[in-house]
Amino acid sequence: MPNHRAGFVNIIGNPNVGKSTLMNLLIGENLSIVSHKIQTTRRTIRGIINEPDYQIVFSDTPGILKPTYLLQEKMLKFIETSLIDADIILFVTEAGEKFTQEDVLLKIKAAGVPVILVINKIDLIDQPKLEKIVAEWHERLNPEMIIPVSAKTKFNHQPIITGVLKYLPESPPYFPKEQISDLTERFFAAEKIREKIFHWYQQEIPYSVEVQIEEYKVLPEIIHINAIIFVERKSQAGILIGHQGESLKRVGTLARRDIELFNAKKVMLNLRVKVKEDWRNNPDTLKEFGYEG
């Protein structure tokens, strides 16, 4: 493909600055799950924009954090990898955020690739405050571009695509042009279930949950999905299931609707809950769940 451009645009930033919302907006699909709780994204989620003369592979990464258990260490490795294999870094901050991780800024500068800085949630501040933030980031990071946006209100995101195309290298496409992600429908089904748990449960429950798809069977008229929700303690299982199973039933109903929308097909979803003691600190279980490295 002569003059075709393609590359990896890796999105990094602190938890809850709107990275997942922004990527979903850019690619026009709800690939990354979103909630108001931190650490919703655990793995790198790739979303792909395909046009005849270019392919942009966006990678949504977990929020930058200081690990307190082994799962978070695995999540941090996804971020570190994203700084190494990027063609362009999309660094997302939010209006009013006090970003204190100078080591991360040093790593971004050392990556040696173009940096586009996105200031999200500008709907929460006035113009003088925004101008001050822009000036501060020019001084601290000196990125190629600074783009103020509001992902929530879908304001000013198109200049991000324009900016990315300015620095996107010439390359054949990395993925078939019909793909919107390199991840499977099974993976996204599990994520839709986990998203509902993040929305409906409080305290430690969402962070103690992992979802595995035991069976994903596509029939002509319907998709049959059997999923297991793993928790760390028996007490968490009781909270997750709820009185007479009502809480788990609600999660299943809402997740099924989202999976049906995602696949444009009817879904039969069965959920079970199992206990795996302290799985977030168990290297063998983390490997089993797909957290390599």
C-alpha atoms as a PDB file:
ATOM      1  CA  MET A   1       0.000   0.000   0.000  1.00  0.00           C
ATOM      2  CA  PRO A   2       1.934   3.052  -1.219  1.00  0.00           C
ATOM      3  CA  ASN A   3       1.760   6.083   1.101  1.00  0.00           C
ATOM      4  CA  HIS A   4      -0.320   4.140   3.618  1.00  0.00           C
ATOM      5  CA  ARG A   5       0.257   5.133   7.223  1.00  0.00           C
ATOM      6  CA  ALA A   6      -0.210   3.023  10.341  1.00  0.00           C
ATOM      7  CA  GLY A   7       0.972   3.034  13.934  1.00  0.00           C
ATOM      8  CA  PHE A   8       0.340   2.492  17.601  1.00  0.00           C
ATOM      9  CA  VAL A   9      -0.963   5.426  19.638  1.00  0.00           C
ATOM     10  CA  ASN A  10      -0.685   4.498  23.301  1.00  0.00           C
ATOM     11  CA  ILE A  11      -2.914   6.317  25.779  1.00  0.00           C
ATOM     12  CA  ILE A  12      -1.461   6.776  29.253  1.00  0.00           C
ATOM     13  CA  GLY A  13      -2.342   8.825  32.317  1.00  0.00           C
ATOM     14  CA  ASN A  14      -3.556   8.653  35.882  1.00  0.00           C
ATOM     15  CA  PRO A  15      -6.659   6.678  36.899  1.00  0.00           C
ATOM     16  CA  ASN A  16     -10.017   8.354  36.247  1.00  0.00           C
ATOM     17  CA  VAL A  17      -8.779  11.071  33.874  1.00  0.00           C
ATOM     18  CA  GLY A  18     -11.047   9.714  31.132  1.00  0.00           C
ATOM     19  CA  LYS A  19      -8.682   7.600  29.011  1.00  0.00           C
ATOM     20  CA  SER A  20     -11.246   4.876  28.328  1.00  0.00           C
ATOM     21  CA  THR A  21     -14.057   7.334  27.585  1.00  0.00           C
ATOM     22  CA  LEU A  22     -11.734   9.180  25.223  1.00  0.00           C
ATOM     23  CA  MET A  23     -10.681   6.071  23.303  1.00  0.00           C
ATOM     24  CA  ASN A  24     -14.290   4.917  22.948  1.00  0.00           C
ATOM     25  CA  LEU A  25     -15.163   8.354  21.585  1.00  0.00           C
ATOM     26  CA  LEU A  26     -12.267   8.383  19.118  1.00  0.00           C
ATOM     27  CA  ILE A  27     -13.008   4.971  17.619  1.00  0.00           C
ATOM     28  CA  GLY A  28     -16.785   5.256  17.844  1.00  0.00           C
ATOM     29  CA  GLU A  29     -17.243   1.983  19.770  1.00  0.00           C
ATOM     30  CA  ASN A  30     -17.635   1.178  23.477  1.00  0.00           C
ATOM     31  CA  LEU A  31     -14.656  -1.160  23.711  1.00  0.00           C
ATOM     32  CA  SER A  32     -13.106  -0.049  27.009  1.00  0.00           C
ATOM     33  CA  ILE A  33     -15.348  -0.404  30.022  1.00  0.00           C
ATOM     34  CA  VAL A  34     -15.951   2.787  31.965  1.00  0.00           C
ATOM     35  CA  SER A  35     -16.838   3.569  35.574  1.00  0.00           C
ATOM     36  CA  HIS A  36     -16.254   6.331  38.100  1.00  0.00           C
ATOM     37  CA  LYS A  37     -14.036   4.007  40.160  1.00  0.00           C
ATOM     38  CA  ILE A  38     -10.286   3.929  39.689  1.00  0.00           C
ATOM     39  CA  GLN A  39      -8.484   0.917  38.211  1.00  0.00           C
ATOM     40  CA  THR A  40     -11.410  -0.094  36.022  1.00  0.00           C
ATOM     41  CA  THR A  41      -9.035  -0.836  33.123  1.00  0.00           C
ATOM     42  CA  ARG A  42      -6.714  -3.732  33.977  1.00  0.00           C
ATOM     43  CA  ARG A  43      -5.214  -4.657  30.617  1.00  0.00           C
ATOM     44  CA  THR A  44      -4.228  -2.880  27.446  1.00  0.00           C
ATOM     45  CA  ILE A  45      -7.339  -2.556  25.257  1.00  0.00           C
ATOM     46  CA  ARG A  46      -6.702  -1.828  21.586  1.00  0.00           C
ATOM     47  CA  GLY A  47      -9.201  -0.015  19.409  1.00  0.00           C
ATOM     48  CA  ILE A  48      -8.552   0.428  15.704  1.00  0.00           C
ATOM     49  CA  ILE A  49      -9.580   3.190  13.289  1.00  0.00           C
ATOM     50  CA  ASN A  50      -9.429   2.082   9.650  1.00  0.00           C
ATOM     51  CA  GLU A  51      -9.525   4.324   6.608  1.00  0.00           C
ATOM     52  CA  PRO A  52      -8.311   3.575   3.060  1.00  0.00           C
ATOM     53  CA  ASP A  53      -5.003   5.408   3.539  1.00  0.00           C
ATOM     54  CA  TYR A  54      -4.339   4.885   7.257  1.00  0.00           C
ATOM     55  CA  GLN A  55      -4.832   2.671  10.304  1.00  0.00           C
ATOM     56  CA  ILE A  56      -4.593   4.079  13.849  1.00  0.00           C
ATOM     57  CA  VAL A  57      -4.240   1.523  16.643  1.00  0.00           C
ATOM     58  CA  PHE A  58      -5.167   3.183  19.939  1.00  0.00           C
ATOM     59  CA  SER A  59      -4.155   1.371  23.127  1.00  0.00           C
ATOM     60  CA  ASP A  60      -6.020   2.185  26.331  1.00  0.00           C
ATOM     61  CA  THR A  61      -3.812   1.311  29.314  1.00  0.00           C
ATOM     62  CA  PRO A  62      -4.428   0.962  33.067  1.00  0.00           C
ATOM     63  CA  GLY A  63      -4.105   4.109  35.132  1.00  0.00           C
ATOM     64  CA  ILE A  64      -0.671   4.920  36.539  1.00  0.00           C
ATOM     65  CA  LEU A  65      -0.467   3.714  40.141  1.00  0.00           C
ATOM     66  CA  LYS A  66       1.842   2.557  42.908  1.00  0.00           C
ATOM     67  CA  PRO A  67       1.298  -1.198  43.252  1.00  0.00           C
ATOM     68  CA  THR A  68       0.057  -2.593  46.556  1.00  0.00           C
ATOM     69  CA  TYR A  69      -0.544  -6.167  45.362  1.00  0.00           C
ATOM     70  CA  LEU A  70       0.701  -8.427  42.569  1.00  0.00           C
ATOM     71  CA  LEU A  71      -2.176  -7.750  40.153  1.00  0.00           C
ATOM     72  CA  GLN A  72      -1.330  -4.035  40.236  1.00  0.00           C
ATOM     73  CA  GLU A  73       2.300  -4.868  39.467  1.00  0.00           C
ATOM     74  CA  LYS A  74       1.102  -6.712  36.371  1.00  0.00           C
ATOM     75  CA  MET A  75      -1.046  -3.708  35.437  1.00  0.00           C
ATOM     76  CA  LEU A  76       1.960  -1.414  35.808  1.00  0.00           C
ATOM     77  CA  LYS A  77       3.905  -3.553  33.334  1.00  0.00           C
ATOM     78  CA  PHE A  78       1.230  -2.892  30.712  1.00  0.00           C
ATOM     79  CA  ILE A  79       1.906   0.830  31.180  1.00  0.00           C
ATOM     80  CA  GLU A  80       5.685   0.408  30.983  1.00  0.00           C
ATOM     81  CA  THR A  81       5.336  -1.640  27.794  1.00  0.00           C
ATOM     82  CA  SER A  82       3.138   1.068  26.290  1.00  0.00           C
ATOM     83  CA  LEU A  83       5.979   3.568  26.702  1.00  0.00           C
ATOM     84  CA  ILE A  84       8.329   1.284  24.778  1.00  0.00           C
ATOM     85  CA  ASP A  85       6.279   0.165  21.778  1.00  0.00           C
ATOM     86  CA  ALA A  86       4.439   3.419  20.965  1.00  0.00           C
ATOM     87  CA  ASP A  87       4.748   5.311  17.697  1.00  0.00           C
ATOM     88  CA  ILE A  88       2.917   8.202  19.364  1.00  0.00           C
ATOM     89  CA  ILE A  89       2.113   8.754  23.039  1.00  0.00           C
ATOM     90  CA  LEU A  90      -1.264  10.259  23.894  1.00  0.00           C
ATOM     91  CA  PHE A  91      -0.788  11.510  27.440  1.00  0.00           C
ATOM     92  CA  VAL A  92      -4.120  12.320  29.094  1.00  0.00           C
ATOM     93  CA  THR A  93      -4.462  14.560  32.109  1.00  0.00           C
ATOM     94  CA  GLU A  94      -7.524  16.330  33.458  1.00  0.00           C
ATOM     95  CA  ALA A  95      -8.303  19.924  34.292  1.00  0.00           C
ATOM     96  CA  GLY A  96      -7.083  20.707  37.795  1.00  0.00           C
ATOM     97  CA  GLU A  97      -5.135  17.453  38.220  1.00  0.00           C
ATOM     98  CA  LYS A  98      -1.913  17.655  40.221  1.00  0.00           C
ATOM     99  CA  PHE A  99       0.312  15.217  38.335  1.00  0.00           C
ATOM    100  CA  THR A 100       3.267  14.449  40.624  1.00  0.00           C
ATOM    101  CA  GLN A 101       4.899  11.411  38.968  1.00  0.00           C
ATOM    102  CA  GLU A 102       7.997  13.106  37.585  1.00  0.00           C
ATOM    103  CA  ASP A 103       9.516   9.688  36.864  1.00  0.00           C
ATOM    104  CA  VAL A 104       6.688   9.004  34.416  1.00  0.00           C
ATOM    105  CA  LEU A 105       7.275  12.309  32.632  1.00  0.00           C
ATOM    106  CA  LEU A 106      10.965  11.422  32.323  1.00  0.00           C
ATOM    107  CA  LYS A 107      10.051   8.069  30.789  1.00  0.00           C
ATOM    108  CA  ILE A 108       7.685   9.773  28.340  1.00  0.00           C
ATOM    109  CA  LYS A 109      10.453  12.146  27.267  1.00  0.00           C
ATOM    110  CA  ALA A 110      12.930   9.270  27.012  1.00  0.00           C
ATOM    111  CA  ALA A 111      10.602   7.277  24.736  1.00  0.00           C
ATOM    112  CA  GLY A 112      11.754   9.432  21.835  1.00  0.00           C
ATOM    113  CA  VAL A 113       8.372   9.515  20.053  1.00  0.00           C
ATOM    114  CA  PRO A 114       5.923  12.380  19.437  1.00  0.00           C
ATOM    115  CA  VAL A 115       3.787  13.240  22.463  1.00  0.00           C
ATOM    116  CA  ILE A 116       0.300  14.678  22.193  1.00  0.00           C
ATOM    117  CA  LEU A 117      -1.012  15.930  25.524  1.00  0.00           C
ATOM    118  CA  VAL A 118      -4.779  15.902  26.031  1.00  0.00           C
ATOM    119  CA  ILE A 119      -6.314  17.996  28.802  1.00  0.00           C
ATOM    120  CA  ASN A 120      -9.675  16.373  29.514  1.00  0.00           C
ATOM    121  CA  LYS A 121     -12.702  17.620  31.468  1.00  0.00           C
ATOM    122  CA  ILE A 122     -12.229  21.243  30.419  1.00  0.00           C
ATOM    123  CA  ASP A 123     -15.974  21.707  30.862  1.00  0.00           C
ATOM    124  CA  LEU A 124     -15.183  21.963  34.594  1.00  0.00           C
ATOM    125  CA  ILE A 125     -12.925  25.056  34.350  1.00  0.00           C
ATOM    126  CA  ASP A 126     -12.907  28.549  32.838  1.00  0.00           C
ATOM    127  CA  GLN A 127     -10.662  29.873  30.042  1.00  0.00           C
ATOM    128  CA  PRO A 128      -8.052  31.636  32.246  1.00  0.00           C
ATOM    129  CA  LYS A 129      -7.550  28.445  34.256  1.00  0.00           C
ATOM    130  CA  LEU A 130      -7.175  26.426  31.048  1.00  0.00           C
ATOM    131  CA  GLU A 131      -4.573  28.842  29.669  1.00  0.00           C
ATOM    132  CA  LYS A 132      -2.581  28.512  32.888  1.00  0.00           C
ATOM    133  CA  ILE A 133      -2.702  24.683  32.707  1.00  0.00           C
ATOM    134  CA  VAL A 134      -1.593  24.713  29.060  1.00  0.00           C
ATOM    135  CA  ALA A 135       1.361  26.965  29.891  1.00  0.00           C
ATOM    136  CA  GLU A 136       2.388  24.710  32.787  1.00  0.00           C
ATOM    137  CA  TRP A 137       2.359  21.585  30.608  1.00  0.00           C
ATOM    138  CA  HIS A 138       4.356  23.299  27.870  1.00  0.00           C
ATOM    139  CA  GLU A 139       6.971  23.967  30.527  1.00  0.00           C
ATOM    140  CA  ARG A 140       6.909  20.512  32.147  1.00  0.00           C
ATOM    141  CA  LEU A 141       6.622  18.194  29.148  1.00  0.00           C
ATOM    142  CA  ASN A 142       6.985  20.317  25.997  1.00  0.00           C
ATOM    143  CA  PRO A 143       4.753  18.021  23.914  1.00  0.00           C
ATOM    144  CA  GLU A 144       4.284  18.370  20.163  1.00  0.00           C
ATOM    145  CA  MET A 145       0.668  19.352  20.717  1.00  0.00           C
ATOM    146  CA  ILE A 146      -1.697  20.198  23.593  1.00  0.00           C
ATOM    147  CA  ILE A 147      -5.378  19.579  22.894  1.00  0.00           C
ATOM    148  CA  PRO A 148      -8.090  20.580  25.409  1.00  0.00           C
ATOM    149  CA  VAL A 149     -11.139  18.295  25.251  1.00  0.00           C
ATOM    150  CA  SER A 150     -14.218  17.196  27.106  1.00  0.00           C
ATOM    151  CA  ALA A 151     -14.704  13.511  26.345  1.00  0.00           C
ATOM    152  CA  LYS A 152     -17.910  13.446  28.379  1.00  0.00           C
ATOM    153  CA  THR A 153     -19.541  16.180  26.276  1.00  0.00           C
ATOM    154  CA  LYS A 154     -17.774  15.034  23.059  1.00  0.00           C
ATOM    155  CA  PHE A 155     -16.080  18.411  22.635  1.00  0.00           C
ATOM    156  CA  ASN A 156     -12.974  18.969  20.484  1.00  0.00           C
ATOM    157  CA  HIS A 157     -11.844  15.340  20.083  1.00  0.00           C
ATOM    158  CA  GLN A 158     -11.472  15.492  16.295  1.00  0.00           C
ATOM    159  CA  PRO A 159      -8.205  17.510  16.498  1.00  0.00           C
ATOM    160  CA  ILE A 160      -6.677  14.472  18.218  1.00  0.00           C
ATOM    161  CA  ILE A 161      -7.148  12.416  15.036  1.00  0.00           C
ATOM    162  CA  THR A 162      -5.751  15.292  12.960  1.00  0.00           C
ATOM    163  CA  GLY A 163      -2.750  15.531  15.259  1.00  0.00           C
ATOM    164  CA  VAL A 164      -2.122  11.789  15.235  1.00  0.00           C
ATOM    165  CA  LEU A 165      -2.189  11.717  11.430  1.00  0.00           C
ATOM    166  CA  LYS A 166       0.476  14.434  11.375  1.00  0.00           C
ATOM    167  CA  TYR A 167       2.935  12.102  13.124  1.00  0.00           C
ATOM    168  CA  LEU A 168       1.697   8.666  12.010  1.00  0.00           C
ATOM    169  CA  PRO A 169       4.520   6.805  10.209  1.00  0.00           C
ATOM    170  CA  GLU A 170       4.264   5.277   6.762  1.00  0.00           C
ATOM    171  CA  SER A 171       3.506   1.573   7.162  1.00  0.00           C
ATOM    172  CA  PRO A 172       1.198  -1.126   5.865  1.00  0.00           C
ATOM    173  CA  PRO A 173      -1.709  -1.921   8.211  1.00  0.00           C
ATOM    174  CA  TYR A 174      -0.918  -4.054  11.247  1.00  0.00           C
ATOM    175  CA  PHE A 175      -4.379  -5.631  11.371  1.00  0.00           C
ATOM    176  CA  PRO A 176      -7.006  -6.568   8.787  1.00  0.00           C
ATOM    177  CA  LYS A 177      -8.981  -3.500   7.805  1.00  0.00           C
ATOM    178  CA  GLU A 178     -12.295  -4.896   9.065  1.00  0.00           C
ATOM    179  CA  GLN A 179     -11.024  -5.282  12.656  1.00  0.00           C
ATOM    180  CA  ILE A 180     -11.873  -2.789  15.374  1.00  0.00           C
ATOM    181  CA  SER A 181      -9.756  -4.567  18.017  1.00  0.00           C
ATOM    182  CA  ASP A 182      -7.252  -7.397  18.366  1.00  0.00           C
ATOM    183  CA  LEU A 183      -9.222  -8.848  21.279  1.00  0.00           C
ATOM    184  CA  THR A 184     -11.914 -11.508  21.075  1.00  0.00           C
ATOM    185  CA  GLU A 185     -15.672 -11.324  21.590  1.00  0.00           C
ATOM    186  CA  ARG A 186     -15.168 -13.608  24.614  1.00  0.00           C
ATOM    187  CA  PHE A 187     -12.892 -10.998  26.172  1.00  0.00           C
ATOM    188  CA  PHE A 188     -15.383  -8.184  25.637  1.00  0.00           C
ATOM    189  CA  ALA A 189     -18.214 -10.284  27.067  1.00  0.00           C
ATOM    190  CA  ALA A 190     -16.198 -10.745  30.269  1.00  0.00           C
ATOM    191  CA  GLU A 191     -15.457  -7.017  30.387  1.00  0.00           C
ATOM    192  CA  LYS A 192     -19.139  -6.089  30.017  1.00  0.00           C
ATOM    193  CA  ILE A 193     -19.931  -8.281  33.029  1.00  0.00           C
ATOM    194  CA  ARG A 194     -17.113  -6.742  35.060  1.00  0.00           C
ATOM    195  CA  GLU A 195     -18.271  -3.241  34.115  1.00  0.00           C
ATOM    196  CA  LYS A 196     -21.694  -3.893  35.646  1.00  0.00           C
ATOM    197  CA  ILE A 197     -20.056  -5.086  38.850  1.00  0.00           C
ATOM    198  CA  PHE A 198     -18.054  -1.839  38.998  1.00  0.00           C
ATOM    199  CA  HIS A 199     -21.270   0.131  38.599  1.00  0.00           C
ATOM    200  CA  TRP A 200     -23.420  -1.736  41.128  1.00  0.00           C
ATOM    201  CA  TYR A 201     -21.087  -2.731  43.975  1.00  0.00           C
ATOM    202  CA  GLN A 202     -19.063  -0.704  46.430  1.00  0.00           C
ATOM    203  CA  GLN A 203     -15.936  -0.997  48.583  1.00  0.00           C
ATOM    204  CA  GLU A 204     -13.661  -3.915  47.729  1.00  0.00           C
ATOM    205  CA  ILE A 205     -16.067  -6.034  45.661  1.00  0.00           C
ATOM    206  CA  PRO A 206     -15.246  -4.634  42.160  1.00  0.00           C
ATOM    207  CA  TYR A 207     -11.503  -4.843  42.783  1.00  0.00           C
ATOM    208  CA  SER A 208     -11.719  -8.416  44.071  1.00  0.00           C
ATOM    209  CA  VAL A 209     -13.567  -9.692  41.000  1.00  0.00           C
ATOM    210  CA  GLU A 210     -12.256 -11.419  37.889  1.00  0.00           C
ATOM    211  CA  VAL A 211     -14.529 -12.767  35.154  1.00  0.00           C
ATOM    212  CA  GLN A 212     -13.761 -15.784  33.001  1.00  0.00           C
ATOM    213  CA  ILE A 213     -15.837 -17.047  30.091  1.00  0.00           C
ATOM    214  CA  GLU A 214     -16.260 -20.782  30.498  1.00  0.00           C
ATOM    215  CA  GLU A 215     -18.269 -21.282  27.302  1.00  0.00           C
ATOM    216  CA  TYR A 216     -18.955 -18.992  24.344  1.00  0.00           C
ATOM    217  CA  LYS A 217     -21.062 -20.793  21.764  1.00  0.00           C
ATOM    218  CA  VAL A 218     -22.286 -18.945  18.693  1.00  0.00           C
ATOM    219  CA  LEU A 219     -25.445 -20.409  17.139  1.00  0.00           C
ATOM    220  CA  PRO A 220     -27.343 -19.035  14.142  1.00  0.00           C
ATOM    221  CA  GLU A 221     -29.918 -17.171  16.234  1.00  0.00           C
ATOM    222  CA  ILE A 222     -28.261 -16.761  19.641  1.00  0.00           C
ATOM    223  CA  ILE A 223     -24.972 -16.732  21.563  1.00  0.00           C
ATOM    224  CA  HIS A 224     -24.770 -18.976  24.646  1.00  0.00           C
ATOM    225  CA  ILE A 225     -22.350 -17.672  27.279  1.00  0.00           C
ATOM    226  CA  ASN A 226     -21.421 -19.321  30.571  1.00  0.00           C
ATOM    227  CA  ALA A 227     -19.297 -17.076  32.774  1.00  0.00           C
ATOM    228  CA  ILE A 228     -17.644 -17.500  36.168  1.00  0.00           C
ATOM    229  CA  ILE A 229     -17.169 -14.517  38.471  1.00  0.00           C
ATOM    230  CA  PHE A 230     -14.253 -15.137  40.819  1.00  0.00           C
ATOM    231  CA  VAL A 231     -13.952 -13.389  44.184  1.00  0.00           C
ATOM    232  CA  GLU A 232     -11.354 -13.662  46.936  1.00  0.00           C
ATOM    233  CA  ARG A 233     -13.547 -14.497  49.940  1.00  0.00           C
ATOM    234  CA  LYS A 234     -16.785 -16.318  50.692  1.00  0.00           C
ATOM    235  CA  SER A 235     -18.279 -13.166  52.224  1.00  0.00           C
ATOM    236  CA  GLN A 236     -17.721 -11.346  48.920  1.00  0.00           C
ATOM    237  CA  ALA A 237     -19.552 -14.120  47.074  1.00  0.00           C
ATOM    238  CA  GLY A 238     -22.563 -13.627  49.341  1.00  0.00           C
ATOM    239  CA  ILE A 239     -22.637  -9.875  48.675  1.00  0.00           C
ATOM    240  CA  LEU A 240     -22.217 -10.401  44.941  1.00  0.00           C
ATOM    241  CA  ILE A 241     -25.087 -12.899  44.754  1.00  0.00           C
ATOM    242  CA  GLY A 242     -27.398 -10.973  47.083  1.00  0.00           C
ATOM    243  CA  HIS A 243     -30.673 -12.003  48.708  1.00  0.00           C
ATOM    244  CA  GLN A 244     -32.169 -14.928  46.762  1.00  0.00           C
ATOM    245  CA  GLY A 245     -29.715 -14.187  43.933  1.00  0.00           C
ATOM    246  CA  GLU A 246     -31.323 -10.852  43.062  1.00  0.00           C
ATOM    247  CA  SER A 247     -28.074  -8.850  42.856  1.00  0.00           C
ATOM    248  CA  LEU A 248     -26.386 -11.346  40.554  1.00  0.00           C
ATOM    249  CA  LYS A 249     -29.526 -11.525  38.421  1.00  0.00           C
ATOM    250  CA  ARG A 250     -29.452  -7.741  37.960  1.00  0.00           C
ATOM    251  CA  VAL A 251     -25.795  -7.855  36.859  1.00  0.00           C
ATOM    252  CA  GLY A 252     -26.609 -10.637  34.406  1.00  0.00           C
ATOM    253  CA  THR A 253     -29.577  -8.803  32.902  1.00  0.00           C
ATOM    254  CA  LEU A 254     -27.685  -5.556  32.371  1.00  0.00           C
ATOM    255  CA  ALA A 255     -24.552  -7.281  31.053  1.00  0.00           C
ATOM    256  CA  ARG A 256     -26.598  -9.401  28.660  1.00  0.00           C
ATOM    257  CA  ARG A 257     -28.189  -6.282  27.166  1.00  0.00           C
ATOM    258  CA  ASP A 258     -24.775  -4.705  26.548  1.00  0.00           C
ATOM    259  CA  ILE A 259     -23.365  -7.899  25.037  1.00  0.00           C
ATOM    260  CA  GLU A 260     -26.374  -8.112  22.725  1.00  0.00           C
ATOM    261  CA  LEU A 261     -25.815  -4.530  21.591  1.00  0.00           C
ATOM    262  CA  PHE A 262     -22.109  -5.183  21.061  1.00  0.00           C
ATOM    263  CA  ASN A 263     -22.706  -8.321  18.984  1.00  0.00           C
ATOM    264  CA  ALA A 264     -26.030  -7.298  17.389  1.00  0.00           C
ATOM    265  CA  LYS A 265     -27.377 -10.704  18.355  1.00  0.00           C
ATOM    266  CA  LYS A 266     -29.493 -12.333  21.051  1.00  0.00           C
ATOM    267  CA  VAL A 267     -27.553 -13.669  24.042  1.00  0.00           C
ATOM    268  CA  MET A 268     -28.268 -16.232  26.727  1.00  0.00           C
ATOM    269  CA  LEU A 269     -25.992 -15.453  29.684  1.00  0.00           C
ATOM    270  CA  ASN A 270     -25.474 -17.718  32.700  1.00  0.00           C
ATOM    271  CA  LEU A 271     -23.394 -16.485  35.649  1.00  0.00           C
ATOM    272  CA  ARG A 272     -21.794 -18.438  38.480  1.00  0.00           C
ATOM    273  CA  VAL A 273     -19.723 -17.206  41.414  1.00  0.00           C
ATOM    274  CA  LYS A 274     -16.636 -19.001  42.729  1.00  0.00           C
ATOM    275  CA  VAL A 275     -14.077 -18.213  45.423  1.00  0.00           C
ATOM    276  CA  LYS A 276     -10.330 -18.174  44.683  1.00  0.00           C
ATOM    277  CA  GLU A 277      -8.603 -17.100  47.868  1.00  0.00           C
ATOM    278  CA  ASP A 278      -6.329 -14.063  47.491  1.00  0.00           C
ATOM    279  CA  TRP A 279      -6.127 -14.476  43.704  1.00  0.00           C
ATOM    280  CA  ARG A 280      -4.760 -10.938  43.203  1.00  0.00           C
ATOM    281  CA  ASN A 281      -1.512 -11.967  44.921  1.00  0.00           C
ATOM    282  CA  ASN A 282      -1.209 -15.475  43.480  1.00  0.00           C
ATOM    283  CA  PRO A 283       1.180 -15.595  40.468  1.00  0.00           C
ATOM    284  CA  ASP A 284      -0.178 -18.909  39.196  1.00  0.00           C
ATOM    285  CA  THR A 285      -3.779 -17.719  39.299  1.00  0.00           C
ATOM    286  CA  LEU A 286      -2.856 -14.401  37.686  1.00  0.00           C
ATOM    287  CA  LYS A 287      -1.179 -16.310  34.864  1.00  0.00           C
ATOM    288  CA  GLU A 288      -4.279 -18.473  34.524  1.00  0.00           C
ATOM    289  CA  PHE A 289      -6.373 -15.308  34.268  1.00  0.00           C
ATOM    290  CA  GLY A 290      -4.131 -13.948  31.504  1.00  0.00           C
ATOM    291  CA  TYR A 291      -1.985 -11.470  33.414  1.00  0.00           C
ATOM    292  CA  GLU A 292       1.386 -12.441  31.968  1.00  0.00           C
ATOM    293  CA  GLY A 293       4.810 -10.976  32.648  1.00  0.00           C
END
